[in-house]
């Protein structure tokens, strides 16, 4: 988690959190407190820090649902899950499409939907969304803006990111049906759902 004078940002896994954490560091004085990036504490929820985040603008990253689900499945095959971190077999696309895990993750980070997350930073538009967010709290010079746009993505997963090689349209439809909360949020933030696996995501893959 990254905490500033007027905001608190939580690191939802597989949404570009490591990159975002470094972007905050490009603005000296903006961050009052940041959890270590090399331990599971970086994924602490707002509820775990409710004593210091009360009254602040709450922010979190988000990502297109199929890309998030695939990234998470790939991550588990490389690093496993907390606390054992033992690599697990790659889930089939059918298993991914039938899973409600994405909504469960959102439920976990929103304290069972009781918290109002005021700002979502979209991974596919991370740098623009990040700049719009930090302008609420600090002046952004042209030089700082340049640094944000030129900052490299971190921890990009080394796998095929082309969704049409993984999912059929029916599988994508199933995935959204299994995760209605994420689907509603995605439609609000992006204007649509990614139901066509041939649709290209803007720009190169960002860090998960």
Protein backbone atom coordinates (compact mmCIF):
# COMPACT_ATOMS: atom_id res chain seq x y z
CA UNK A 1 0.00 0.00 0.00
CA UNK A 2 1.10 3.57 -0.74
CA UNK A 3 -0.23 6.33 1.49
CA UNK A 4 -0.05 10.07 0.92
CA UNK A 5 -1.48 13.08 2.71
CA UNK A 6 -4.82 12.83 0.93
CA UNK A 7 -4.87 9.37 -0.62
CA UNK A 8 -4.25 5.68 -0.08
CA UNK A 9 -3.50 3.30 -2.95
CA UNK A 10 -3.84 -0.47 -2.58
CA UNK A 11 -1.97 -2.98 -4.75
CA UNK A 12 -4.49 -5.37 -6.31
CA UNK A 13 -2.26 -8.17 -7.66
CA UNK A 14 -1.64 -8.50 -11.41
CA UNK A 15 -2.70 -4.95 -12.29
CA UNK A 16 0.64 -3.21 -12.74
CA UNK A 17 1.19 -2.53 -9.07
CA UNK A 18 4.99 -2.73 -9.09
CA UNK A 19 5.16 -0.18 -11.89
CA UNK A 20 2.65 2.09 -10.17
CA UNK A 21 4.55 1.97 -6.89
CA UNK A 22 7.65 3.25 -8.71
CA UNK A 23 5.65 5.99 -10.42
CA UNK A 24 4.66 7.36 -7.01
CA UNK A 25 8.34 7.56 -6.12
CA UNK A 26 8.94 9.95 -9.02
CA UNK A 27 7.24 12.67 -6.94
CA UNK A 28 9.35 13.50 -3.87
CA UNK A 29 7.23 14.31 -0.84
CA UNK A 30 4.04 12.83 -2.28
CA UNK A 31 4.32 9.53 -0.40
CA UNK A 32 4.17 9.48 3.39
CA UNK A 33 4.35 5.71 3.76
CA UNK A 34 4.82 2.74 1.47
CA UNK A 35 4.88 -0.94 2.33
CA UNK A 36 7.91 -2.94 1.19
CA UNK A 37 7.65 -4.06 -2.41
CA UNK A 38 9.40 -7.38 -1.83
CA UNK A 39 6.98 -8.92 0.69
CA UNK A 40 3.29 -9.83 0.70
CA UNK A 41 2.67 -6.69 2.78
CA UNK A 42 2.54 -4.77 -0.49
CA UNK A 43 -0.89 -6.38 -0.99
CA UNK A 44 -2.39 -5.25 2.31
CA UNK A 45 -6.02 -4.12 2.09
CA UNK A 46 -7.52 -0.83 3.16
CA UNK A 47 -9.22 -2.56 6.06
CA UNK A 48 -5.85 -3.66 7.43
CA UNK A 49 -4.81 0.00 7.50
CA UNK A 50 -8.16 1.57 8.29
CA UNK A 51 -6.67 3.65 11.10
CA UNK A 52 -4.44 5.59 8.67
CA UNK A 53 -6.56 5.64 5.49
CA UNK A 54 -9.79 7.00 6.99
CA UNK A 55 -10.94 10.14 5.20
CA UNK A 56 -8.49 9.74 2.31
CA UNK A 57 -9.27 9.16 -1.35
CA UNK A 58 -8.96 5.41 -1.93
CA UNK A 59 -7.39 4.28 -5.20
CA UNK A 60 -6.58 0.96 -6.80
CA UNK A 61 -5.51 -0.39 -10.18
CA UNK A 62 -7.77 -2.42 -12.42
CA UNK A 63 -7.40 -4.36 -15.64
CA UNK A 64 -9.55 -5.93 -18.34
CA UNK A 65 -11.00 -9.08 -16.80
CA UNK A 66 -9.76 -11.69 -19.32
CA UNK A 67 -6.24 -10.25 -19.23
CA UNK A 68 -6.26 -10.23 -15.42
CA UNK A 69 -7.52 -13.82 -15.18
CA UNK A 70 -4.89 -15.06 -17.63
CA UNK A 71 -2.11 -13.10 -15.93
CA UNK A 72 -3.05 -14.48 -12.53
CA UNK A 73 -3.14 -18.06 -13.84
CA UNK A 74 0.28 -17.62 -15.42
CA UNK A 75 1.67 -16.09 -12.23
CA UNK A 76 0.55 -19.07 -10.16
CA UNK A 77 2.50 -21.42 -12.44
CA UNK A 78 5.67 -19.38 -11.84
CA UNK A 79 5.45 -18.40 -8.19
CA UNK A 80 2.53 -20.20 -6.56
CA UNK A 81 0.34 -18.46 -3.99
CA UNK A 82 0.83 -17.02 -0.51
CA UNK A 83 2.08 -18.28 1.90
CA UNK A 84 3.79 -21.35 0.39
CA UNK A 85 4.70 -19.95 -3.04
CA UNK A 86 4.92 -23.39 -4.61
CA UNK A 87 4.36 -23.27 -8.41
CA UNK A 88 1.09 -24.93 -9.46
CA UNK A 89 -0.07 -26.42 -12.77
CA UNK A 90 -1.48 -23.96 -15.28
CA UNK A 91 -5.27 -23.85 -15.16
CA UNK A 92 -7.09 -24.70 -18.37
CA UNK A 93 -8.95 -21.94 -20.17
CA UNK A 94 -12.18 -23.69 -19.23
CA UNK A 95 -11.21 -23.55 -15.57
CA UNK A 96 -10.29 -19.88 -15.85
CA UNK A 97 -13.56 -19.06 -17.61
CA UNK A 98 -15.61 -20.87 -14.96
CA UNK A 99 -13.87 -19.20 -12.00
CA UNK A 100 -15.35 -16.50 -9.75
CA UNK A 101 -11.94 -15.68 -8.30
CA UNK A 102 -11.76 -12.18 -9.85
CA UNK A 103 -14.91 -11.04 -8.03
CA UNK A 104 -13.64 -12.64 -4.83
CA UNK A 105 -10.44 -10.61 -5.13
CA UNK A 106 -12.41 -7.40 -5.60
CA UNK A 107 -14.58 -8.36 -2.64
CA UNK A 108 -11.46 -8.83 -0.54
CA UNK A 109 -9.99 -5.44 -1.42
CA UNK A 110 -13.28 -3.55 -1.05
CA UNK A 111 -14.07 -5.12 2.34
CA UNK A 112 -17.06 -7.00 0.91
CA UNK A 113 -18.12 -3.96 -1.15
CA UNK A 114 -18.40 -1.70 1.90
CA UNK A 115 -15.57 0.62 0.85
CA UNK A 116 -15.88 3.33 -1.75
CA UNK A 117 -12.88 3.12 -4.07
CA UNK A 118 -12.88 6.64 -5.44
CA UNK A 119 -10.34 6.14 -8.24
CA UNK A 120 -9.39 3.20 -10.43
CA UNK A 121 -6.22 3.37 -12.52
CA UNK A 122 -6.61 1.29 -15.67
CA UNK A 123 -3.52 -0.76 -16.46
CA UNK A 124 -4.06 -0.31 -20.19
CA UNK A 125 -3.92 3.49 -19.68
CA UNK A 126 -1.79 3.47 -16.56
CA UNK A 127 0.41 6.48 -17.07
CA UNK A 128 -2.36 8.83 -18.19
CA UNK A 129 -4.66 7.68 -15.38
CA UNK A 130 -1.83 7.95 -12.86
CA UNK A 131 -1.04 11.53 -13.88
CA UNK A 132 -4.70 12.52 -13.68
CA UNK A 133 -4.78 11.07 -10.17
CA UNK A 134 -1.64 12.63 -8.72
CA UNK A 135 -2.58 16.06 -10.12
CA UNK A 136 -5.18 16.12 -7.36
CA UNK A 137 -2.40 16.24 -4.78
CA UNK A 138 0.71 17.72 -6.38
CA UNK A 139 1.75 19.95 -9.25
CA UNK A 140 2.98 17.96 -12.25
CA UNK A 141 5.68 19.67 -14.29
CA UNK A 142 6.34 18.76 -17.95
CA UNK A 143 9.55 17.07 -16.78
CA UNK A 144 7.70 14.89 -14.25
CA UNK A 145 5.10 14.02 -16.87
CA UNK A 146 7.88 12.95 -19.22
CA UNK A 147 9.44 10.78 -16.51
CA UNK A 148 6.11 9.04 -15.89
CA UNK A 149 5.57 8.28 -19.57
CA UNK A 150 9.13 7.04 -20.05
CA UNK A 151 9.26 4.90 -16.91
CA UNK A 152 9.58 1.23 -17.89
CA UNK A 153 7.01 -1.38 -16.95
CA UNK A 154 8.12 -3.78 -14.24
CA UNK A 155 7.70 -7.54 -13.90
CA UNK A 156 5.99 -8.11 -17.24
CA UNK A 157 4.93 -11.75 -17.48
CA UNK A 158 6.75 -13.72 -20.18
CA UNK A 159 3.83 -15.49 -21.86
CA UNK A 160 1.62 -15.07 -24.92
CA UNK A 161 -0.69 -12.12 -24.13
CA UNK A 162 -2.84 -12.61 -27.26
CA UNK A 163 -6.26 -13.44 -25.80
CA UNK A 164 -7.56 -15.12 -28.96
CA UNK A 165 -4.91 -17.82 -28.50
CA UNK A 166 -6.42 -18.63 -25.10
CA UNK A 167 -10.15 -17.88 -25.03
CA UNK A 168 -13.14 -18.44 -27.26
CA UNK A 169 -15.96 -15.86 -27.30
CA UNK A 170 -18.10 -18.31 -25.30
CA UNK A 171 -15.39 -18.62 -22.65
CA UNK A 172 -15.09 -14.85 -22.33
CA UNK A 173 -18.85 -14.57 -21.97
CA UNK A 174 -18.75 -17.21 -19.23
CA UNK A 175 -15.94 -15.40 -17.42
CA UNK A 176 -17.89 -12.14 -17.31
CA UNK A 177 -21.05 -13.95 -16.21
CA UNK A 178 -19.14 -15.59 -13.36
CA UNK A 179 -17.80 -12.19 -12.25
CA UNK A 180 -20.65 -9.68 -12.51
CA UNK A 181 -19.07 -7.13 -10.15
CA UNK A 182 -15.87 -6.93 -12.17
CA UNK A 183 -17.93 -6.85 -15.37
CA UNK A 184 -20.01 -3.89 -14.14
CA UNK A 185 -16.91 -2.01 -13.03
CA UNK A 186 -15.12 -2.68 -16.32
CA UNK A 187 -18.07 -1.48 -18.36
CA UNK A 188 -18.21 1.69 -16.27
CA UNK A 189 -14.47 2.40 -16.60
CA UNK A 190 -13.84 1.25 -20.18
CA UNK A 191 -17.24 1.69 -21.79
CA UNK A 192 -17.58 -1.95 -22.83
CA UNK A 193 -16.55 -5.53 -22.10
CA UNK A 194 -13.77 -7.43 -23.85
CA UNK A 195 -15.97 -10.16 -25.30
CA UNK A 196 -14.13 -10.50 -28.60
CA UNK A 197 -10.81 -12.35 -28.09
CA UNK A 198 -9.53 -10.85 -31.35
CA UNK A 199 -9.75 -7.34 -29.92
CA UNK A 200 -6.31 -5.87 -29.39
CA UNK A 201 -5.44 -4.11 -26.15
CA UNK A 202 -3.86 -0.66 -26.60
CA UNK A 203 -0.09 -0.52 -26.46
CA UNK A 204 2.41 -3.20 -25.44
CA UNK A 205 1.67 -5.43 -22.44
CA UNK A 206 2.09 -3.57 -19.16
CA UNK A 207 3.63 -5.06 -16.04
CA UNK A 208 1.14 -7.34 -14.23
